[in-house]
Amino acid sequence: MSSTENWSGFGLGIYAWTMQTYLKLMEAGFACQLTNQLPEEGIVLFHANASRGEDICSGPRRLLICLKAEAVLCAQAQLHVVQNPCEASKWLGCYFIPHWPQPGLQPRLSERQDRFETVAFLGHRNSLATELMQPEWENQLQQRGFKWLPVINTNVWNSYQSIDTRWANYQNIDAIVAIREFNLRRPGYGRKPATKLYNAWLAGVPAILGRELAYRAEGTAGENYLEANSMAELMSCLDKLQQDVVFRKRLTKKGQIRSIQYTSEVVTQKWKRFLTEIAMPAYQIWCDRSHWQQQVQTWQGQLLNYCDRTARRLNL
């Protein structure tokens, strides 16, 4: 399998992180191994969902790195890779690496030129605001001469057979709308990645996105993407893009300039630096510790896990 293959399994977090990371590193000549058994020693990376119903624990010479995604801090892991820059914390052992861009991504066709007709959403149903699944929304688009193209998946976390692989196809798309929720008092979704923004940049398509921390951390609203926190703001953004071709081209161009920081090649280099400069030294430190010191660190991990779960229940 190639890391660039438009495989439906890459629509699942557990494969999007583990399989893609393994394949990208292997293709770059970085020594690593994909396994379904915990080795007695070494650095082990695993997705948070892999711990569901499984006993994944560290060992005297086994360092665990959890690919956290949207889960709580793993009690057993010594390090975490997070997908939102707002979660990065050396004190907590959390390191940000951008999510991989969509495998097999097909950019918008250049022959569409200044056409601005097709507005799309490519994602899971849980990531689309209720208002954007109502007939009224599509009617408003039609009145403005737009076509609505929702490519929506409804799969559960461990099933990929029914995933629609058209997420990779931006060829006939003129704008992306991806808003989970309207009328947020402050930027939210601190555990979500900015993937839809990266992909839109790489595809050469303007994006209208929700009021989210990851988008604000990685992009600049009004400069390389647009932000809408209400239906009125969303329609205003679409009107602006439709009527002002110069603005639309400038927004798209600035997004494409930013996109060079999120190509697979750049993300691969970030992974290599993380593994060599952070993970390997951490492994040596872990192995040099006494059994008692390792146990204390494990207890600290359990405490952080408890605190994270409590904060999530309280919606902090």
Protein backbone atom coordinates (compact mmCIF):
# COMPACT_ATOMS: atom_id res chain seq x y z
CA MET A 1 0.00 0.00 0.00
CA SER A 2 1.15 3.55 -0.77
CA SER A 3 0.71 6.47 1.60
CA THR A 4 -0.81 8.47 -1.27
CA GLU A 5 -3.51 5.90 -2.02
CA ASN A 6 -7.07 7.15 -1.64
CA TRP A 7 -7.95 4.23 0.65
CA SER A 8 -11.20 4.48 2.62
CA GLY A 9 -9.39 3.33 5.76
CA PHE A 10 -7.52 6.61 5.88
CA GLY A 11 -10.86 8.15 6.79
CA LEU A 12 -10.53 6.59 10.26
CA GLY A 13 -8.36 8.34 12.81
CA ILE A 14 -6.72 5.13 13.92
CA TYR A 15 -5.43 4.42 10.39
CA ALA A 16 -4.99 8.03 9.31
CA TRP A 17 -2.44 8.45 12.11
CA THR A 18 -0.75 5.07 12.45
CA MET A 19 -0.76 3.65 8.91
CA GLN A 20 0.03 6.94 7.19
CA THR A 21 2.80 7.79 9.64
CA TYR A 22 4.36 4.36 9.23
CA LEU A 23 4.14 4.46 5.43
CA LYS A 24 5.44 8.02 5.14
CA LEU A 25 8.41 7.29 7.40
CA MET A 26 9.21 4.05 5.60
CA GLU A 27 9.05 5.81 2.23
CA ALA A 28 11.43 8.44 3.60
CA GLY A 29 13.90 5.73 4.66
CA PHE A 30 13.28 6.08 8.40
CA ALA A 31 13.63 2.77 10.27
CA CYS A 32 10.31 1.75 11.84
CA GLN A 33 8.03 -1.26 12.04
CA LEU A 34 4.27 -1.80 12.00
CA THR A 35 3.21 -4.42 14.54
CA ASN A 36 0.13 -5.77 16.30
CA GLN A 37 2.16 -6.97 19.28
CA LEU A 38 3.74 -4.85 21.99
CA PRO A 39 7.51 -5.27 21.81
CA GLU A 40 9.40 -5.78 25.05
CA GLU A 41 11.55 -2.74 24.38
CA GLY A 42 11.63 0.29 22.13
CA ILE A 43 9.51 3.32 21.32
CA VAL A 44 5.89 2.38 20.64
CA LEU A 45 3.45 4.76 18.96
CA PHE A 46 -0.25 3.93 19.11
CA HIS A 47 -3.51 5.71 18.41
CA ALA A 48 -5.75 6.44 21.40
CA ASN A 49 -8.49 4.23 19.95
CA ALA A 50 -6.12 1.26 19.97
CA SER A 51 -6.36 1.25 23.76
CA ARG A 52 -10.12 0.65 23.72
CA GLY A 53 -10.51 -2.70 25.45
CA GLU A 54 -6.77 -3.38 25.21
CA ASP A 55 -4.20 -3.32 27.98
CA ILE A 56 -1.40 -1.15 26.60
CA CYS A 57 1.18 -0.49 29.28
CA SER A 58 4.75 0.73 29.43
CA GLY A 59 7.64 -1.47 30.47
CA PRO A 60 11.12 -1.01 31.93
CA ARG A 61 12.47 -0.52 28.39
CA ARG A 62 9.27 0.36 26.55
CA LEU A 63 8.27 3.98 26.02
CA LEU A 64 4.69 4.68 24.94
CA ILE A 65 3.70 7.59 22.72
CA CYS A 66 -0.04 8.07 22.32
CA LEU A 67 -1.39 9.62 19.13
CA LYS A 68 -4.01 11.41 21.18
CA ALA A 69 -6.46 12.65 18.52
CA GLU A 70 -9.55 13.83 20.47
CA ALA A 71 -9.15 11.47 23.42
CA VAL A 72 -8.12 12.33 26.96
CA LEU A 73 -4.50 12.06 28.05
CA CYS A 74 -3.47 8.41 28.17
CA ALA A 75 -2.60 7.26 31.68
CA GLN A 76 0.15 4.91 30.50
CA ALA A 77 1.85 7.03 27.83
CA GLN A 78 4.97 9.02 28.59
CA LEU A 79 4.46 11.31 25.57
CA HIS A 80 1.53 12.40 23.42
CA VAL A 81 1.26 13.68 19.86
CA VAL A 82 -1.62 16.16 19.59
CA GLN A 83 -3.39 17.42 16.47
CA ASN A 84 -4.31 20.88 17.76
CA PRO A 85 -1.47 23.34 18.48
CA CYS A 86 -3.42 24.70 21.45
CA GLU A 87 -2.90 21.36 23.22
CA ALA A 88 0.89 21.42 22.95
CA SER A 89 2.60 21.42 26.35
CA LYS A 90 6.12 20.21 27.11
CA TRP A 91 5.14 20.05 30.80
CA LEU A 92 2.41 17.54 29.92
CA GLY A 93 4.59 15.78 27.35
CA CYS A 94 2.27 16.87 24.50
CA TYR A 95 3.82 17.73 21.14
CA PHE A 96 1.96 19.13 18.16
CA ILE A 97 2.43 17.65 14.70
CA PRO A 98 -0.02 18.67 11.95
CA HIS A 99 -2.38 15.97 10.76
CA TRP A 100 -1.50 14.39 7.43
CA PRO A 101 -3.21 16.05 4.44
CA GLN A 102 -5.85 14.07 2.61
CA PRO A 103 -4.19 11.16 0.72
CA GLY A 104 -4.62 11.33 -3.04
CA LEU A 105 -5.87 14.91 -2.87
CA GLN A 106 -6.97 16.23 -6.28
CA PRO A 107 -6.75 20.05 -6.44
CA ARG A 108 -9.34 22.27 -8.08
CA LEU A 109 -9.10 22.19 -11.87
CA SER A 110 -7.38 25.27 -13.31
CA GLU A 111 -9.79 25.28 -16.23
CA ARG A 112 -12.62 26.28 -13.88
CA GLN A 113 -10.87 29.67 -13.80
CA ASP A 114 -13.21 32.27 -12.22
CA ARG A 115 -16.27 30.03 -11.96
CA PHE A 116 -17.84 30.13 -8.52
CA GLU A 117 -20.75 27.74 -8.40
CA THR A 118 -20.12 24.61 -6.32
CA VAL A 119 -20.03 24.88 -2.52
CA ALA A 120 -19.05 21.67 -0.74
CA PHE A 121 -18.64 19.99 2.61
CA LEU A 122 -16.30 17.01 2.85
CA GLY A 123 -16.46 15.37 6.25
CA HIS A 124 -18.34 13.46 8.90
CA ARG A 125 -21.93 14.32 9.78
CA ASN A 126 -20.85 15.18 13.34
CA SER A 127 -18.72 17.98 11.90
CA LEU A 128 -21.56 19.81 10.15
CA ALA A 129 -23.91 22.25 11.90
CA THR A 130 -27.56 21.19 12.04
CA GLU A 131 -28.58 24.33 10.15
CA LEU A 132 -26.49 23.21 7.18
CA MET A 133 -28.37 19.94 6.88
CA GLN A 134 -31.76 21.64 6.44
CA PRO A 135 -33.57 22.31 3.12
CA GLU A 136 -33.57 26.05 3.90
CA TRP A 137 -29.79 26.16 3.57
CA GLU A 138 -29.79 24.54 0.16
CA ASN A 139 -32.65 26.80 -0.94
CA GLN A 140 -30.64 29.89 -0.01
CA LEU A 141 -27.72 28.61 -2.04
CA GLN A 142 -29.88 27.89 -5.06
CA GLN A 143 -31.33 31.41 -4.94
CA ARG A 144 -27.77 32.72 -5.28
CA GLY A 145 -26.95 30.33 -8.11
CA PHE A 146 -24.92 27.88 -6.05
CA LYS A 147 -24.91 24.10 -6.06
CA TRP A 148 -24.53 22.35 -2.68
CA LEU A 149 -22.25 19.30 -2.70
CA PRO A 150 -22.19 17.52 0.68
CA VAL A 151 -19.96 14.43 0.85
CA ILE A 152 -20.95 13.20 4.30
CA ASN A 153 -19.82 10.06 6.09
CA THR A 154 -21.64 8.56 9.06
CA ASN A 155 -19.31 5.71 9.96
CA VAL A 156 -18.40 4.80 13.54
CA TRP A 157 -14.81 5.04 14.78
CA ASN A 158 -13.81 1.47 13.87
CA SER A 159 -15.61 0.97 10.53
CA TYR A 160 -14.30 2.21 7.20
CA GLN A 161 -16.05 -0.03 4.64
CA SER A 162 -18.79 2.54 3.95
CA ILE A 163 -16.55 5.64 3.91
CA ASP A 164 -16.98 7.78 0.80
CA THR A 165 -13.53 8.40 -0.71
CA ARG A 166 -14.65 11.52 -2.61
CA TRP A 167 -13.18 13.55 0.27
CA ALA A 168 -10.00 13.72 -1.83
CA ASN A 169 -11.64 15.23 -4.91
CA TYR A 170 -11.66 19.04 -5.03
CA GLN A 171 -11.51 19.24 -8.83
CA ASN A 172 -14.96 20.76 -9.35
CA ILE A 173 -15.32 22.54 -6.01
CA ASP A 174 -15.24 26.33 -5.79
CA ALA A 175 -15.55 26.81 -2.01
CA ILE A 176 -15.56 24.68 1.15
CA VAL A 177 -17.94 25.28 4.05
CA ALA A 178 -17.07 23.45 7.27
CA ILE A 179 -18.84 24.74 10.38
CA ARG A 180 -19.65 22.46 13.31
CA GLU A 181 -21.62 24.98 15.33
CA PHE A 182 -22.89 28.54 15.11
CA ASN A 183 -23.11 31.27 17.76
CA LEU A 184 -20.10 30.21 19.84
CA ARG A 185 -19.25 32.77 22.52
CA ARG A 186 -15.55 32.03 22.18
CA PRO A 187 -13.43 29.91 19.84
CA GLY A 188 -14.03 26.25 20.61
CA TYR A 189 -13.14 22.68 19.71
CA GLY A 190 -9.70 22.73 21.28
CA ARG A 191 -9.08 19.05 20.47
CA LYS A 192 -10.02 19.21 16.79
CA PRO A 193 -7.38 19.59 14.04
CA ALA A 194 -7.27 22.21 11.29
CA THR A 195 -7.30 19.49 8.61
CA LYS A 196 -10.10 21.01 6.55
CA LEU A 197 -8.12 24.24 6.35
CA TYR A 198 -4.88 22.48 5.26
CA ASN A 199 -6.71 20.50 2.62
CA ALA A 200 -8.50 23.56 1.23
CA TRP A 201 -5.19 25.40 0.98
CA LEU A 202 -3.53 22.48 -0.78
CA ALA A 203 -6.51 22.12 -3.13
CA GLY A 204 -6.55 25.80 -4.07
CA VAL A 205 -10.09 26.30 -2.76
CA PRO A 206 -11.30 29.10 -0.45
CA ALA A 207 -12.64 27.88 2.89
CA ILE A 208 -15.38 29.27 5.12
CA LEU A 209 -14.90 27.72 8.54
CA GLY A 210 -16.28 27.84 12.06
CA ARG A 211 -14.97 29.70 15.08
CA GLU A 212 -12.37 27.13 16.10
CA LEU A 213 -9.08 27.35 17.94
CA ALA A 214 -7.10 25.24 15.47
CA TYR A 215 -8.15 27.33 12.48
CA ARG A 216 -7.19 30.55 14.25
CA ALA A 217 -3.87 29.09 15.40
CA GLU A 218 -2.87 27.88 11.93
CA GLY A 219 -4.53 30.45 9.69
CA THR A 220 -5.61 34.09 9.68
CA ALA A 221 -9.31 34.76 9.24
CA GLY A 222 -9.95 37.24 6.45
CA GLU A 223 -6.50 36.67 4.98
CA ASN A 224 -6.24 32.99 4.01
CA TYR A 225 -9.69 31.72 5.04
CA LEU A 226 -13.03 33.14 6.16
CA GLU A 227 -14.73 32.61 9.50
CA ALA A 228 -18.50 32.53 10.06
CA ASN A 229 -20.21 32.27 13.44
CA SER A 230 -23.79 32.67 12.24
CA MET A 231 -25.86 31.87 9.19
CA ALA A 232 -25.92 35.58 8.30
CA GLU A 233 -22.10 35.73 8.42
CA LEU A 234 -21.87 32.59 6.30
CA MET A 235 -24.10 34.01 3.58
CA SER A 236 -22.17 37.28 3.72
CA CYS A 237 -18.91 35.37 3.18
CA LEU A 238 -20.35 33.54 0.18
CA ASP A 239 -21.67 36.79 -1.29
CA LYS A 240 -18.24 38.39 -0.87
CA LEU A 241 -16.48 35.49 -2.58
CA GLN A 242 -19.02 35.43 -5.40
CA GLN A 243 -19.01 39.16 -6.11
CA ASP A 244 -15.36 40.08 -5.51
CA VAL A 245 -13.17 37.97 -7.79
CA VAL A 246 -10.01 39.89 -6.85
CA PHE A 247 -10.59 39.22 -3.15
CA ARG A 248 -11.34 35.56 -3.82
CA LYS A 249 -8.13 35.12 -5.81
CA ARG A 250 -6.07 36.88 -3.14
CA LEU A 251 -7.56 34.74 -0.36
CA THR A 252 -6.89 31.56 -2.32
CA LYS A 253 -3.35 32.63 -3.24
CA LYS A 254 -2.44 33.36 0.37
CA GLY A 255 -3.83 29.97 1.34
CA GLN A 256 -1.68 28.28 -1.27
CA ILE A 257 1.38 30.08 0.07
CA ARG A 258 0.61 28.77 3.58
CA SER A 259 -0.04 25.29 2.20
CA ILE A 260 3.67 24.62 1.66
CA GLN A 261 3.98 24.23 5.44
CA TYR A 262 1.48 21.34 5.44
CA THR A 263 2.56 19.12 2.57
CA SER A 264 3.24 15.46 3.29
CA GLU A 265 6.97 16.09 2.83
CA VAL A 266 7.04 18.83 5.46
CA VAL A 267 4.93 16.82 7.93
CA THR A 268 7.25 13.84 7.39
CA GLN A 269 10.21 16.00 8.38
CA LYS A 270 8.36 17.14 11.49
CA TRP A 271 7.81 13.50 12.43
CA LYS A 272 11.49 12.66 11.90
CA ARG A 273 12.59 15.58 14.07
CA PHE A 274 10.13 14.64 16.78
CA LEU A 275 11.31 11.04 16.87
CA THR A 276 15.02 11.84 16.81
CA GLU A 277 15.07 14.98 18.96
CA ILE A 278 12.24 14.29 21.43
CA ALA A 279 11.26 10.61 21.47
CA MET A 280 14.70 9.00 21.38
CA PRO A 281 16.19 11.12 24.19
CA ALA A 282 13.00 10.55 26.22
CA TYR A 283 13.40 6.81 25.70
CA GLN A 284 16.96 6.87 27.01
CA ILE A 285 15.88 8.91 30.05
CA TRP A 286 13.05 6.46 30.71
CA CYS A 287 15.33 3.43 30.48
CA ASP A 288 17.88 5.02 32.84
CA ARG A 289 15.30 5.55 35.57
CA SER A 290 14.88 3.18 38.46
CA HIS A 291 11.76 1.06 38.80
CA TRP A 292 10.54 3.42 41.52
CA GLN A 293 11.07 6.51 39.34
CA GLN A 294 9.20 4.86 36.47
CA GLN A 295 6.36 3.99 38.82
CA VAL A 296 6.13 7.59 40.03
CA GLN A 297 5.89 8.81 36.43
CA THR A 298 3.16 6.25 35.78
CA TRP A 299 1.21 7.56 38.77
CA GLN A 300 1.63 11.09 37.46
CA GLY A 301 0.20 9.94 34.14
CA GLN A 302 -2.80 8.41 35.88
CA LEU A 303 -3.39 11.66 37.77
CA LEU A 304 -3.25 13.71 34.58
CA ASN A 305 -5.65 11.29 32.93
CA TYR A 306 -8.08 11.72 35.82
CA CYS A 307 -7.79 15.52 35.70
CA ASP A 308 -8.34 15.56 31.94
CA ARG A 309 -11.42 13.35 32.24
CA THR A 310 -12.81 15.56 34.99
CA ALA A 311 -12.20 18.73 32.98
CA ARG A 312 -13.97 17.19 30.00
CA ARG A 313 -17.01 16.21 32.10
CA LEU A 314 -17.18 19.76 33.42
CA ASN A 315 -16.74 21.06 29.85
CA LEU A 316 -13.70 23.14 30.82
